[in-house]
Amino acid sequence: MMQEKYFERILVVGHNPQLTEVVNMLTDEHISKIPTVGVVAINFNIEEWSELEEACGEIDFFIYPKQFKYYMPKQIRATLDLN
């Protein structure tokens, strides 16, 4: 359990089906399956982690390897400085 209030961001690494279930619960979305090496970023409009509850988040981005054959998200493009 996270006790420190000063963490603004956390990274969660996990396996399916639990990771997909957590994303769907926290965002009230329906992602059928986060694929291997998939990344989901969720924004929460909360002041403290103790305020975290179902459907309180919004997906910022959802990326996975097969997307990169045709499209590169702006967040990745900015990181790689490919503009």
Protein backbone atom coordinates (compact mmCIF):
# COMPACT_ATOMS: atom_id res chain seq x y z
CA MET A 1 0.00 0.00 0.00
CA MET A 2 1.36 3.39 -0.98
CA GLN A 3 1.61 5.64 2.04
CA GLU A 4 3.63 8.57 0.73
CA LYS A 5 1.52 11.52 -0.41
CA TYR A 6 4.31 13.15 -2.41
CA PHE A 7 4.31 10.65 -5.28
CA GLU A 8 2.72 12.29 -8.31
CA ARG A 9 3.26 9.38 -10.69
CA ILE A 10 3.58 5.64 -10.33
CA LEU A 11 4.45 2.89 -12.77
CA VAL A 12 2.65 -0.40 -12.50
CA VAL A 13 3.99 -3.43 -14.35
CA GLY A 14 1.86 -6.53 -14.44
CA HIS A 15 0.34 -9.42 -16.32
CA ASN A 16 -3.04 -10.14 -17.83
CA PRO A 17 -5.86 -10.56 -17.28
CA GLN A 18 -5.47 -8.57 -14.05
CA LEU A 19 -3.76 -5.54 -15.63
CA THR A 20 -6.53 -5.12 -18.21
CA GLU A 21 -9.15 -5.51 -15.49
CA VAL A 22 -7.53 -2.80 -13.35
CA VAL A 23 -7.34 -0.36 -16.28
CA ASN A 24 -10.98 -0.99 -17.18
CA MET A 25 -12.05 -0.56 -13.55
CA LEU A 26 -10.11 2.65 -12.93
CA THR A 27 -11.15 4.28 -16.21
CA ASP A 28 -14.61 2.84 -16.82
CA GLU A 29 -13.36 1.85 -20.29
CA HIS A 30 -13.56 -1.47 -22.06
CA ILE A 31 -10.22 -2.60 -23.40
CA SER A 32 -10.59 -6.25 -24.35
CA LYS A 33 -6.91 -7.08 -23.70
CA ILE A 34 -3.76 -5.07 -23.20
CA PRO A 35 -1.31 -6.87 -25.50
CA THR A 36 2.22 -7.89 -24.56
CA VAL A 37 4.37 -4.76 -24.15
CA GLY A 38 1.23 -2.60 -24.22
CA VAL A 39 1.35 0.66 -22.27
CA VAL A 40 -1.63 2.52 -20.83
CA ALA A 41 -1.26 5.93 -19.20
CA ILE A 42 -4.08 7.03 -16.92
CA ASN A 43 -4.66 10.52 -15.55
CA PHE A 44 -6.47 10.91 -12.24
CA ASN A 45 -8.07 14.13 -11.04
CA ILE A 46 -7.25 13.48 -7.38
CA GLU A 47 -5.16 15.21 -4.73
CA GLU A 48 -4.12 12.10 -2.79
CA TRP A 49 -3.86 8.40 -3.67
CA SER A 50 -6.40 7.64 -0.94
CA GLU A 51 -9.01 9.26 -3.23
CA LEU A 52 -8.46 6.61 -5.91
CA GLU A 53 -11.72 4.83 -6.73
CA GLU A 54 -13.48 3.06 -9.58
CA ALA A 55 -13.91 5.03 -12.81
CA CYS A 56 -12.00 8.06 -11.49
CA GLY A 57 -9.34 7.99 -14.20
CA GLU A 58 -9.14 8.90 -17.86
CA ILE A 59 -6.88 7.18 -20.39
CA ASP A 60 -4.21 9.56 -21.67
CA PHE A 61 -2.82 7.06 -24.16
CA PHE A 62 -2.87 3.35 -24.95
CA ILE A 63 -0.06 2.10 -27.16
CA TYR A 64 1.10 -1.34 -28.23
CA PRO A 65 3.72 -2.68 -30.67
CA LYS A 66 1.47 -3.39 -33.68
CA GLN A 67 0.54 0.32 -33.86
CA PHE A 68 4.08 1.29 -34.79
CA LYS A 69 3.89 -0.35 -38.18
CA TYR A 70 1.67 2.50 -39.38
CA TYR A 71 1.56 5.12 -36.64
CA MET A 72 3.77 6.56 -33.94
CA PRO A 73 1.98 8.36 -31.07
CA LYS A 74 3.01 11.97 -30.46
CA GLN A 75 4.34 11.10 -27.00
CA ILE A 76 6.79 8.59 -28.50
CA ARG A 77 7.66 10.86 -31.44
CA ALA A 78 8.46 13.70 -29.01
CA THR A 79 10.66 11.41 -26.91
CA LEU A 80 12.57 10.27 -29.99
CA ASP A 81 12.62 13.81 -31.44
CA LEU A 82 11.51 12.66 -34.91
CA ASN A 83 9.55 15.79 -35.88
